[in-house]
Amino acid sequence: MQYIDDAVAIGLVIGLTQMMKGYISDKYTPLISLFFGIVGGITISGLSVEGAVKGVVFGLTASGLYDHSKIVKKTK
């Protein structure tokens, strides 16, 4: 079950970041993704170092997926 929670959290971070795109500049998108990831990690794992690290991984994963999808769209 743990992996399903993590996958759902990453999906939520991506979705929330996409929703914020209309309100912020694209250069701040990775920071917003990282913020939502940390909040999600702490929500899932509790207020601990593990939760914060897990949140950083969520945010960076979501940010990387977002950046790579932009690269794929540019090449087509």
PDB file of N, CA and C in Angstrom:
ATOM      1  N   MET A   1       0.809  -1.200   0.000  1.00  0.00           N
ATOM      2  CA  MET A   1       0.000   0.000   0.000  1.00  0.00           C
ATOM      3  C   MET A   1       0.851   1.263   0.000  1.00  0.00           C
ATOM      4  N   GLN A   2       2.023   1.169   0.554  1.00  0.00           N
ATOM      5  CA  GLN A   2       2.888   2.338   0.654  1.00  0.00           C
ATOM      6  C   GLN A   2       3.207   2.916  -0.728  1.00  0.00           C
ATOM      7  N   TYR A   3       3.484   2.048  -1.698  1.00  0.00           N
ATOM      8  CA  TYR A   3       3.843   2.525  -3.031  1.00  0.00           C
ATOM      9  C   TYR A   3       2.668   3.197  -3.728  1.00  0.00           C
ATOM     10  N   ILE A   4       1.470   2.731  -3.451  1.00  0.00           N
ATOM     11  CA  ILE A   4       0.285   3.342  -4.054  1.00  0.00           C
ATOM     12  C   ILE A   4       0.104   4.751  -3.503  1.00  0.00           C
ATOM     13  N   ASP A   5       0.301   4.930  -2.198  1.00  0.00           N
ATOM     14  CA  ASP A   5       0.207   6.263  -1.598  1.00  0.00           C
ATOM     15  C   ASP A   5       1.225   7.209  -2.215  1.00  0.00           C
ATOM     16  N   ASP A   6       2.433   6.705  -2.424  1.00  0.00           N
ATOM     17  CA  ASP A   6       3.484   7.541  -3.004  1.00  0.00           C
ATOM     18  C   ASP A   6       3.141   7.940  -4.434  1.00  0.00           C
ATOM     19  N   ALA A   7       2.641   7.002  -5.209  1.00  0.00           N
ATOM     20  CA  ALA A   7       2.282   7.297  -6.604  1.00  0.00           C
ATOM     21  C   ALA A   7       1.136   8.305  -6.667  1.00  0.00           C
ATOM     22  N   VAL A   8       0.171   8.156  -5.789  1.00  0.00           N
ATOM     23  CA  VAL A   8      -0.954   9.089  -5.752  1.00  0.00           C
ATOM     24  C   VAL A   8      -0.463  10.474  -5.343  1.00  0.00           C
ATOM     25  N   ALA A   9       0.450  10.536  -4.381  1.00  0.00           N
ATOM     26  CA  ALA A   9       0.989  11.820  -3.936  1.00  0.00           C
ATOM     27  C   ALA A   9       1.730  12.526  -5.070  1.00  0.00           C
ATOM     28  N   ILE A  10       2.505  11.785  -5.833  1.00  0.00           N
ATOM     29  CA  ILE A  10       3.228  12.384  -6.960  1.00  0.00           C
ATOM     30  C   ILE A  10       2.236  12.904  -7.998  1.00  0.00           C
ATOM     31  N   GLY A  11       1.189  12.140  -8.257  1.00  0.00           N
ATOM     32  CA  GLY A  11       0.155  12.597  -9.184  1.00  0.00           C
ATOM     33  C   GLY A  11      -0.539  13.857  -8.698  1.00  0.00           C
ATOM     34  N   LEU A  12      -0.809  13.932  -7.409  1.00  0.00           N
ATOM     35  CA  LEU A  12      -1.427  15.131  -6.852  1.00  0.00           C
ATOM     36  C   LEU A  12      -0.500  16.333  -6.950  1.00  0.00           C
ATOM     37  N   VAL A  13       0.788  16.115  -6.693  1.00  0.00           N
ATOM     38  CA  VAL A  13       1.751  17.213  -6.802  1.00  0.00           C
ATOM     39  C   VAL A  13       1.793  17.732  -8.233  1.00  0.00           C
ATOM     40  N   ILE A  14       1.798  16.819  -9.202  1.00  0.00           N
ATOM     41  CA  ILE A  14       1.797  17.239 -10.605  1.00  0.00           C
ATOM     42  C   ILE A  14       0.524  18.028 -10.918  1.00  0.00           C
ATOM     43  N   GLY A  15      -0.612  17.530 -10.467  1.00  0.00           N
ATOM     44  CA  GLY A  15      -1.879  18.215 -10.726  1.00  0.00           C
ATOM     45  C   GLY A  15      -1.949  19.589 -10.083  1.00  0.00           C
ATOM     46  N   LEU A  16      -1.537  19.689  -8.835  1.00  0.00           N
ATOM     47  CA  LEU A  16      -1.552  20.988  -8.155  1.00  0.00           C
ATOM     48  C   LEU A  16      -0.587  21.971  -8.810  1.00  0.00           C
ATOM     49  N   THR A  17       0.553  21.476  -9.230  1.00  0.00           N
ATOM     50  CA  THR A  17       1.525  22.342  -9.899  1.00  0.00           C
ATOM     51  C   THR A  17       0.968  22.841 -11.229  1.00  0.00           C
ATOM     52  N   GLN A  18       0.290  21.964 -11.965  1.00  0.00           N
ATOM     53  CA  GLN A  18      -0.311  22.377 -13.230  1.00  0.00           C
ATOM     54  C   GLN A  18      -1.399  23.424 -13.003  1.00  0.00           C
ATOM     55  N   MET A  19      -2.160  23.284 -11.917  1.00  0.00           N
ATOM     56  CA  MET A  19      -3.196  24.265 -11.611  1.00  0.00           C
ATOM     57  C   MET A  19      -2.592  25.631 -11.282  1.00  0.00           C
ATOM     58  N   MET A  20      -1.430  25.635 -10.662  1.00  0.00           N
ATOM     59  CA  MET A  20      -0.779  26.895 -10.278  1.00  0.00           C
ATOM     60  C   MET A  20      -0.099  27.587 -11.458  1.00  0.00           C
ATOM     61  N   LYS A  21       0.076  26.888 -12.572  1.00  0.00           N
ATOM     62  CA  LYS A  21       0.774  27.460 -13.719  1.00  0.00           C
ATOM     63  C   LYS A  21       0.121  28.739 -14.236  1.00  0.00           C
ATOM     64  N   GLY A  22      -1.156  28.867 -14.101  1.00  0.00           N
ATOM     65  CA  GLY A  22      -1.841  30.065 -14.569  1.00  0.00           C
ATOM     66  C   GLY A  22      -1.590  31.284 -13.704  1.00  0.00           C
ATOM     67  N   TYR A  23      -1.097  31.060 -12.495  1.00  0.00           N
ATOM     68  CA  TYR A  23      -0.930  32.154 -11.549  1.00  0.00           C
ATOM     69  C   TYR A  23       0.525  32.543 -11.306  1.00  0.00           C
ATOM     70  N   ILE A  24       1.463  31.694 -11.711  1.00  0.00           N
ATOM     71  CA  ILE A  24       2.880  31.962 -11.454  1.00  0.00           C
ATOM     72  C   ILE A  24       3.673  31.820 -12.745  1.00  0.00           C
ATOM     73  N   SER A  25       4.873  32.362 -12.716  1.00  0.00           N
ATOM     74  CA  SER A  25       5.770  32.249 -13.860  1.00  0.00           C
ATOM     75  C   SER A  25       6.296  30.816 -13.966  1.00  0.00           C
ATOM     76  N   ASP A  26       6.620  30.392 -15.188  1.00  0.00           N
ATOM     77  CA  ASP A  26       7.120  29.026 -15.400  1.00  0.00           C
ATOM     78  C   ASP A  26       8.438  28.764 -14.688  1.00  0.00           C
ATOM     79  N   LYS A  27       9.216  29.804 -14.442  1.00  0.00           N
ATOM     80  CA  LYS A  27      10.508  29.575 -13.786  1.00  0.00           C
ATOM     81  C   LYS A  27      10.343  29.178 -12.317  1.00  0.00           C
ATOM     82  N   TYR A  28       9.175  29.435 -11.726  1.00  0.00           N
ATOM     83  CA  TYR A  28       8.929  29.057 -10.336  1.00  0.00           C
ATOM     84  C   TYR A  28       8.215  27.716 -10.205  1.00  0.00           C
ATOM     85  N   THR A  29       7.896  27.094 -11.300  1.00  0.00           N
ATOM     86  CA  THR A  29       7.168  25.823 -11.274  1.00  0.00           C
ATOM     87  C   THR A  29       7.895  24.737 -10.481  1.00  0.00           C
ATOM     88  N   PRO A  30       9.215  24.552 -10.634  1.00  0.00           N
ATOM     89  CA  PRO A  30       9.889  23.532  -9.820  1.00  0.00           C
ATOM     90  C   PRO A  30       9.831  23.818  -8.319  1.00  0.00           C
ATOM     91  N   LEU A  31       9.889  25.095  -7.935  1.00  0.00           N
ATOM     92  CA  LEU A  31       9.792  25.428  -6.504  1.00  0.00           C
ATOM     93  C   LEU A  31       8.403  25.129  -5.952  1.00  0.00           C
ATOM     94  N   ILE A  32       7.389  25.431  -6.723  1.00  0.00           N
ATOM     95  CA  ILE A  32       6.020  25.123  -6.302  1.00  0.00           C
ATOM     96  C   ILE A  32       5.835  23.616  -6.197  1.00  0.00           C
ATOM     97  N   SER A  33       6.389  22.891  -7.143  1.00  0.00           N
ATOM     98  CA  SER A  33       6.321  21.429  -7.118  1.00  0.00           C
ATOM     99  C   SER A  33       7.024  20.883  -5.875  1.00  0.00           C
ATOM    100  N   LEU A  34       8.176  21.443  -5.561  1.00  0.00           N
ATOM    101  CA  LEU A  34       8.908  21.020  -4.370  1.00  0.00           C
ATOM    102  C   LEU A  34       8.119  21.330  -3.097  1.00  0.00           C
ATOM    103  N   PHE A  35       7.500  22.503  -3.036  1.00  0.00           N
ATOM    104  CA  PHE A  35       6.683  22.872  -1.874  1.00  0.00           C
ATOM    105  C   PHE A  35       5.525  21.899  -1.679  1.00  0.00           C
ATOM    106  N   PHE A  36       4.773  21.630  -2.758  1.00  0.00           N
ATOM    107  CA  PHE A  36       3.648  20.701  -2.660  1.00  0.00           C
ATOM    108  C   PHE A  36       4.126  19.288  -2.317  1.00  0.00           C
ATOM    109  N   GLY A  37       5.290  18.916  -2.822  1.00  0.00           N
ATOM    110  CA  GLY A  37       5.845  17.607  -2.503  1.00  0.00           C
ATOM    111  C   GLY A  37       6.175  17.467  -1.031  1.00  0.00           C
ATOM    112  N   ILE A  38       6.802  18.496  -0.462  1.00  0.00           N
ATOM    113  CA  ILE A  38       7.149  18.450   0.964  1.00  0.00           C
ATOM    114  C   ILE A  38       5.890  18.404   1.819  1.00  0.00           C
ATOM    115  N   VAL A  39       4.904  19.204   1.467  1.00  0.00           N
ATOM    116  CA  VAL A  39       3.640  19.175   2.214  1.00  0.00           C
ATOM    117  C   VAL A  39       2.999  17.790   2.123  1.00  0.00           C
ATOM    118  N   GLY A  40       3.020  17.193   0.931  1.00  0.00           N
ATOM    119  CA  GLY A  40       2.453  15.859   0.759  1.00  0.00           C
ATOM    120  C   GLY A  40       3.216  14.791   1.518  1.00  0.00           C
ATOM    121  N   GLY A  41       4.539  14.876   1.505  1.00  0.00           N
ATOM    122  CA  GLY A  41       5.351  13.898   2.231  1.00  0.00           C
ATOM    123  C   GLY A  41       5.135  13.967   3.728  1.00  0.00           C
ATOM    124  N   ILE A  42       5.041  15.187   4.243  1.00  0.00           N
ATOM    125  CA  ILE A  42       4.792  15.346   5.679  1.00  0.00           C
ATOM    126  C   ILE A  42       3.378  14.896   6.030  1.00  0.00           C
ATOM    127  N   THR A  43       2.431  15.121   5.128  1.00  0.00           N
ATOM    128  CA  THR A  43       1.055  14.675   5.372  1.00  0.00           C
ATOM    129  C   THR A  43       0.976  13.154   5.420  1.00  0.00           C
ATOM    130  N   ILE A  44       1.678  12.482   4.519  1.00  0.00           N
ATOM    131  CA  ILE A  44       1.613  11.024   4.457  1.00  0.00           C
ATOM    132  C   ILE A  44       2.424  10.367   5.573  1.00  0.00           C
ATOM    133  N   SER A  45       3.653  10.845   5.784  1.00  0.00           N
ATOM    134  CA  SER A  45       4.566  10.172   6.714  1.00  0.00           C
ATOM    135  C   SER A  45       4.660  10.832   8.081  1.00  0.00           C
ATOM    136  N   GLY A  46       3.997  11.921   8.274  1.00  0.00           N
ATOM    137  CA  GLY A  46       4.054  12.613   9.552  1.00  0.00           C
ATOM    138  C   GLY A  46       5.187  13.626   9.575  1.00  0.00           C
ATOM    139  N   LEU A  47       5.144  14.476  10.590  1.00  0.00           N
ATOM    140  CA  LEU A  47       6.140  15.539  10.735  1.00  0.00           C
ATOM    141  C   LEU A  47       7.445  14.934  11.235  1.00  0.00           C
ATOM    142  N   SER A  48       8.288  14.540  10.296  1.00  0.00           N
ATOM    143  CA  SER A  48       9.566  13.923  10.629  1.00  0.00           C
ATOM    144  C   SER A  48      10.544  14.183   9.489  1.00  0.00           C
ATOM    145  N   VAL A  49      11.781  13.830   9.729  1.00  0.00           N
ATOM    146  CA  VAL A  49      12.791  13.972   8.680  1.00  0.00           C
ATOM    147  C   VAL A  49      12.438  13.062   7.509  1.00  0.00           C
ATOM    148  N   GLU A  50      11.964  11.859   7.816  1.00  0.00           N
ATOM    149  CA  GLU A  50      11.568  10.923   6.759  1.00  0.00           C
ATOM    150  C   GLU A  50      10.470  11.517   5.886  1.00  0.00           C
ATOM    151  N   GLY A  51       9.486  12.148   6.523  1.00  0.00           N
ATOM    152  CA  GLY A  51       8.400  12.766   5.766  1.00  0.00           C
ATOM    153  C   GLY A  51       8.887  13.907   4.888  1.00  0.00           C
ATOM    154  N   ALA A  52       9.817  14.710   5.407  1.00  0.00           N
ATOM    155  CA  ALA A  52      10.357  15.819   4.625  1.00  0.00           C
ATOM    156  C   ALA A  52      11.184  15.311   3.447  1.00  0.00           C
ATOM    157  N   VAL A  53      12.002  14.288   3.685  1.00  0.00           N
ATOM    158  CA  VAL A  53      12.820  13.732   2.604  1.00  0.00           C
ATOM    159  C   VAL A  53      11.933  13.089   1.546  1.00  0.00           C
ATOM    160  N   LYS A  54      10.927  12.374   2.000  1.00  0.00           N
ATOM    161  CA  LYS A  54       9.983  11.757   1.062  1.00  0.00           C
ATOM    162  C   LYS A  54       9.285  12.846   0.244  1.00  0.00           C
ATOM    163  N   GLY A  55       8.952  13.962   0.879  1.00  0.00           N
ATOM    164  CA  GLY A  55       8.326  15.076   0.180  1.00  0.00           C
ATOM    165  C   GLY A  55       9.241  15.711  -0.856  1.00  0.00           C
ATOM    166  N   VAL A  56      10.524  15.817  -0.527  1.00  0.00           N
ATOM    167  CA  VAL A  56      11.483  16.345  -1.499  1.00  0.00           C
ATOM    168  C   VAL A  56      11.545  15.421  -2.717  1.00  0.00           C
ATOM    169  N   VAL A  57      11.542  14.125  -2.468  1.00  0.00           N
ATOM    170  CA  VAL A  57      11.551  13.165  -3.577  1.00  0.00           C
ATOM    171  C   VAL A  57      10.280  13.309  -4.409  1.00  0.00           C
ATOM    172  N   PHE A  58       9.132  13.458  -3.756  1.00  0.00           N
ATOM    173  CA  PHE A  58       7.874  13.660  -4.484  1.00  0.00           C
ATOM    174  C   PHE A  58       7.962  14.897  -5.368  1.00  0.00           C
ATOM    175  N   GLY A  59       8.413  15.997  -4.784  1.00  0.00           N
ATOM    176  CA  GLY A  59       8.490  17.253  -5.533  1.00  0.00           C
ATOM    177  C   GLY A  59       9.455  17.184  -6.695  1.00  0.00           C
ATOM    178  N   LEU A  60      10.627  16.601  -6.456  1.00  0.00           N
ATOM    179  CA  LEU A  60      11.613  16.508  -7.530  1.00  0.00           C
ATOM    180  C   LEU A  60      11.157  15.545  -8.619  1.00  0.00           C
ATOM    181  N   THR A  61      10.487  14.472  -8.226  1.00  0.00           N
ATOM    182  CA  THR A  61       9.961  13.539  -9.214  1.00  0.00           C
ATOM    183  C   THR A  61       8.886  14.218 -10.065  1.00  0.00           C
ATOM    184  N   ALA A  62       7.984  14.916  -9.419  1.00  0.00           N
ATOM    185  CA  ALA A  62       6.931  15.614 -10.164  1.00  0.00           C
ATOM    186  C   ALA A  62       7.527  16.683 -11.071  1.00  0.00           C
ATOM    187  N   SER A  63       8.511  17.397 -10.580  1.00  0.00           N
ATOM    188  CA  SER A  63       9.159  18.432 -11.379  1.00  0.00           C
ATOM    189  C   SER A  63       9.883  17.823 -12.567  1.00  0.00           C
ATOM    190  N   GLY A  64      10.548  16.715 -12.354  1.00  0.00           N
ATOM    191  CA  GLY A  64      11.248  16.042 -13.448  1.00  0.00           C
ATOM    192  C   GLY A  64      10.302  15.515 -14.492  1.00  0.00           C
ATOM    193  N   LEU A  65       9.192  14.947 -14.062  1.00  0.00           N
ATOM    194  CA  LEU A  65       8.198  14.449 -15.014  1.00  0.00           C
ATOM    195  C   LEU A  65       7.618  15.594 -15.827  1.00  0.00           C
ATOM    196  N   TYR A  66       7.396  16.722 -15.160  1.00  0.00           N
ATOM    197  CA  TYR A  66       6.864  17.895 -15.850  1.00  0.00           C
ATOM    198  C   TYR A  66       7.859  18.408 -16.887  1.00  0.00           C
ATOM    199  N   ASP A  67       9.126  18.525 -16.503  1.00  0.00           N
ATOM    200  CA  ASP A  67      10.153  19.025 -17.414  1.00  0.00           C
ATOM    201  C   ASP A  67      10.351  18.091 -18.593  1.00  0.00           C
ATOM    202  N   HIS A  68      10.349  16.799 -18.349  1.00  0.00           N
ATOM    203  CA  HIS A  68      10.543  15.848 -19.437  1.00  0.00           C
ATOM    204  C   HIS A  68       9.358  15.828 -20.392  1.00  0.00           C
ATOM    205  N   SER A  69       8.167  16.053 -19.879  1.00  0.00           N
ATOM    206  CA  SER A  69       7.011  16.090 -20.778  1.00  0.00           C
ATOM    207  C   SER A  69       7.083  17.317 -21.677  1.00  0.00           C
ATOM    208  N   LYS A  70       7.650  18.427 -21.195  1.00  0.00           N
ATOM    209  CA  LYS A  70       7.826  19.608 -22.041  1.00  0.00           C
ATOM    210  C   LYS A  70       8.834  19.326 -23.147  1.00  0.00           C
ATOM    211  N   ILE A  71       9.891  18.579 -22.824  1.00  0.00           N
ATOM    212  CA  ILE A  71      10.908  18.256 -23.823  1.00  0.00           C
ATOM    213  C   ILE A  71      10.315  17.379 -24.923  1.00  0.00           C
ATOM    214  N   VAL A  72       9.492  16.416 -24.530  1.00  0.00           N
ATOM    215  CA  VAL A  72       8.864  15.536 -25.515  1.00  0.00           C
ATOM    216  C   VAL A  72       7.937  16.340 -26.417  1.00  0.00           C
ATOM    217  N   LYS A  73       7.194  17.278 -25.866  1.00  0.00           N
ATOM    218  CA  LYS A  73       6.284  18.093 -26.668  1.00  0.00           C
ATOM    219  C   LYS A  73       7.056  18.976 -27.655  1.00  0.00           C
ATOM    220  N   LYS A  74       8.233  19.469 -27.260  1.00  0.00           N
ATOM    221  CA  LYS A  74       9.027  20.326 -28.142  1.00  0.00           C
ATOM    222  C   LYS A  74       9.567  19.569 -29.337  1.00  0.00           C
ATOM    223  N   THR A  75       9.907  18.277 -29.140  1.00  0.00           N
ATOM    224  CA  THR A  75      10.502  17.521 -30.229  1.00  0.00           C
ATOM    225  C   THR A  75       9.493  17.075 -31.272  1.00  0.00           C
ATOM    226  N   LYS A  76       8.233  17.073 -30.930  1.00  0.00           N
ATOM    227  CA  LYS A  76       7.207  16.632 -31.895  1.00  0.00           C
ATOM    228  C   LYS A  76       6.827  17.722 -32.833  1.00  0.00           C
TER     229      LYS A  76
END
